[in-house]
Protein backbone atom coordinates (compact mmCIF):
# COMPACT_ATOMS: atom_id res chain seq x y z
CA MET A 1 76.82 -37.60 -115.49
CA THR A 2 77.78 -39.31 -118.71
CA ALA A 3 80.48 -41.90 -119.21
CA ASP A 4 83.66 -41.15 -121.13
CA ASN A 5 85.51 -43.60 -123.43
CA THR A 6 86.89 -45.57 -120.46
CA GLY A 7 83.46 -46.27 -118.99
CA ARG A 8 84.00 -43.96 -116.00
CA LYS A 9 81.60 -41.17 -115.10
CA GLN A 10 82.56 -37.79 -116.52
CA ARG A 11 83.73 -35.26 -113.98
CA GLY A 12 83.79 -31.53 -114.46
CA ARG A 13 81.94 -29.69 -117.16
CA PRO A 14 79.40 -31.76 -119.09
CA PHE A 15 78.76 -29.08 -121.73
CA ALA A 16 80.96 -27.77 -124.51
CA LYS A 17 82.43 -24.31 -124.09
CA GLY A 18 79.74 -21.67 -124.76
CA GLU A 19 76.91 -24.19 -124.41
CA THR A 20 74.76 -24.62 -121.29
CA GLY A 21 71.97 -26.88 -120.17
CA ASN A 22 69.66 -23.87 -119.99
CA PRO A 23 70.28 -21.57 -122.98
CA ALA A 24 67.45 -19.24 -121.98
CA GLY A 25 69.08 -18.69 -118.58
CA ARG A 26 67.37 -17.60 -115.42
CA PRO A 27 64.34 -15.40 -116.16
CA LYS A 28 64.78 -11.71 -115.37
CA GLY A 29 63.35 -10.82 -112.00
CA ALA A 30 63.36 -14.45 -110.78
CA ARG A 31 64.06 -14.59 -107.06
CA ASN A 32 65.71 -17.24 -104.97
CA ARG A 33 63.30 -19.57 -103.13
CA THR A 34 65.14 -19.03 -99.85
CA THR A 35 64.74 -15.26 -100.17
CA LEU A 36 61.03 -15.62 -100.82
CA LEU A 37 60.61 -17.92 -97.81
CA VAL A 38 62.49 -15.54 -95.51
CA GLU A 39 60.39 -12.62 -96.73
CA GLN A 40 57.21 -14.57 -96.01
CA MET A 41 58.43 -15.44 -92.51
CA ILE A 42 59.35 -11.81 -91.76
CA GLU A 43 56.14 -10.37 -93.23
CA GLY A 44 54.07 -8.91 -90.43
CA GLU A 45 57.01 -9.00 -88.01
CA ALA A 46 59.05 -6.19 -89.52
CA GLU A 47 58.05 -3.61 -86.89
CA ALA A 48 58.81 -5.91 -83.93
CA LEU A 49 62.10 -7.04 -85.49
CA THR A 50 63.12 -3.44 -86.14
CA GLU A 51 62.34 -2.41 -82.58
CA THR A 52 64.34 -5.36 -81.22
CA ALA A 53 67.28 -4.57 -83.50
CA ILE A 54 67.29 -0.93 -82.40
CA ARG A 55 67.10 -1.94 -78.74
CA LEU A 56 70.01 -4.38 -79.12
CA ALA A 57 72.06 -1.83 -81.07
CA LYS A 58 71.49 0.76 -78.32
CA ALA A 59 72.62 -1.86 -75.80
CA GLY A 60 75.95 -2.10 -77.61
CA ASP A 61 75.57 -4.86 -80.23
CA ALA A 62 78.19 -3.64 -82.71
CA SER A 63 77.06 -5.74 -85.66
CA LEU A 64 73.45 -4.57 -85.35
CA MET A 65 74.64 -0.99 -84.91
CA ARG A 66 76.69 -1.26 -88.12
CA ALA A 67 73.77 -2.88 -90.00
CA LEU A 68 71.34 -0.17 -88.92
CA LEU A 69 73.76 2.65 -89.73
CA ASP A 70 74.40 1.13 -93.16
CA ARG A 71 70.64 1.27 -93.80
CA LEU A 72 70.23 4.78 -92.41
CA ALA A 73 73.33 6.28 -94.05
CA PRO A 74 74.34 4.13 -97.04
CA PRO A 75 77.70 4.76 -98.72
CA LEU A 76 77.73 7.89 -100.84
CA ARG A 77 77.25 7.41 -104.53
CA GLU A 78 77.78 9.79 -107.39
CA ARG A 79 75.69 12.89 -107.26
CA PRO A 80 74.86 15.43 -109.94
CA VAL A 81 77.42 18.20 -110.03
CA GLN A 82 76.43 21.81 -110.60
CA VAL A 83 79.33 24.18 -111.04
CA ASP A 84 79.78 27.43 -112.91
CA LEU A 85 82.40 27.09 -115.63
CA PRO A 86 83.46 29.31 -118.52
CA ALA A 87 81.55 28.79 -121.77
CA LEU A 88 82.77 25.97 -123.98
CA ALA A 89 82.44 26.93 -127.62
CA SER A 90 85.63 25.60 -129.18
CA PRO A 91 88.67 23.48 -128.33
CA ALA A 92 90.53 26.73 -127.62
CA ASP A 93 88.35 27.13 -124.50
CA ALA A 94 89.52 23.81 -123.02
CA PRO A 95 92.61 25.14 -121.15
CA ARG A 96 90.53 27.85 -119.41
CA ILE A 97 87.92 25.29 -118.37
CA ALA A 98 90.59 22.84 -117.17
CA ALA A 99 92.10 25.63 -115.05
CA ALA A 100 88.63 26.45 -113.65
CA LEU A 101 88.11 22.79 -112.73
CA LEU A 102 91.45 22.74 -110.94
CA GLU A 103 90.52 25.92 -109.03
CA ARG A 104 87.13 24.45 -108.01
CA ALA A 105 88.79 21.24 -106.79
CA ALA A 106 91.44 23.21 -104.89
CA SER A 107 88.80 25.36 -103.19
CA GLY A 108 86.72 22.33 -102.22
CA GLU A 109 83.76 23.25 -104.42
CA LEU A 110 84.37 19.98 -106.31
CA THR A 111 85.93 16.78 -105.05
CA PRO A 112 89.02 15.64 -106.96
CA THR A 113 86.98 12.74 -108.37
CA GLU A 114 84.25 15.08 -109.60
CA ALA A 115 86.81 17.39 -111.19
CA GLN A 116 88.52 14.41 -112.81
CA GLY A 117 85.20 13.20 -114.25
CA LEU A 118 84.42 16.62 -115.68
CA ALA A 119 87.96 16.88 -117.07
CA ALA A 120 87.45 13.54 -118.82
CA LEU A 121 84.25 14.89 -120.41
CA LEU A 122 86.16 18.00 -121.46
CA GLU A 123 88.81 15.79 -123.07
CA VAL A 124 86.13 13.86 -124.99
CA PHE A 125 84.67 17.14 -126.25
CA HIS A 126 88.14 18.34 -127.27
CA LYS A 127 88.91 15.11 -129.16
CA GLN A 128 85.54 15.09 -130.92
CA THR A 129 85.79 18.70 -132.06
CA GLU A 130 89.39 18.08 -133.14
CA LEU A 131 88.25 15.05 -135.16
CA ALA A 132 85.41 17.01 -136.75
CA SER A 133 87.82 19.81 -137.65
CA PHE A 134 90.27 17.32 -139.15
CA GLU A 135 87.50 15.74 -141.24
CA GLU A 136 86.43 19.17 -142.52
CA ARG A 137 90.01 20.08 -143.48
CA LEU A 138 90.53 16.71 -145.16
CA ALA A 139 87.31 17.07 -147.15
CA ALA A 140 88.37 20.55 -148.25
CA LEU A 141 91.79 19.27 -149.33
CA GLU A 142 90.26 16.36 -151.20
CA ALA A 143 87.78 18.69 -152.91
CA SER A 144 90.54 21.14 -153.96
CA HIS A 145 92.76 18.31 -155.11
CA GLY A 146 89.95 16.79 -157.13
CA LYS A 147 89.31 20.10 -158.94
CA ARG A 148 92.85 20.36 -160.25
């Protein structure tokens, strides 16, 4: 630590905002020493440790049971969605597709979150085609105004 104007040691942050002692940062893929040591200690014992954990979980150890189940059945993540929807050729098709998404969610074919994600994509498509149409109309108006 460095001294400040009063001769006392500086406490807190020794670097200016946005500046660090290691500008390059930690290298990508670098692993903690403790993790590496634990992995070395476990190496070769994985089968015996797994068998012991399963035995203890079967005997009623709730924390081991939870840990094993988390490994066997991890939390669900997003999955690709395949659903038949009406063709999307123009912004005029958006209301029909939105209604189809609502029907699929109501029937259970899609989860509400999946339907919401697809509806957001539909909205992006609608906005982009609307913007492209606006730009075309504006260019046509500018061209006709320039000719006069």
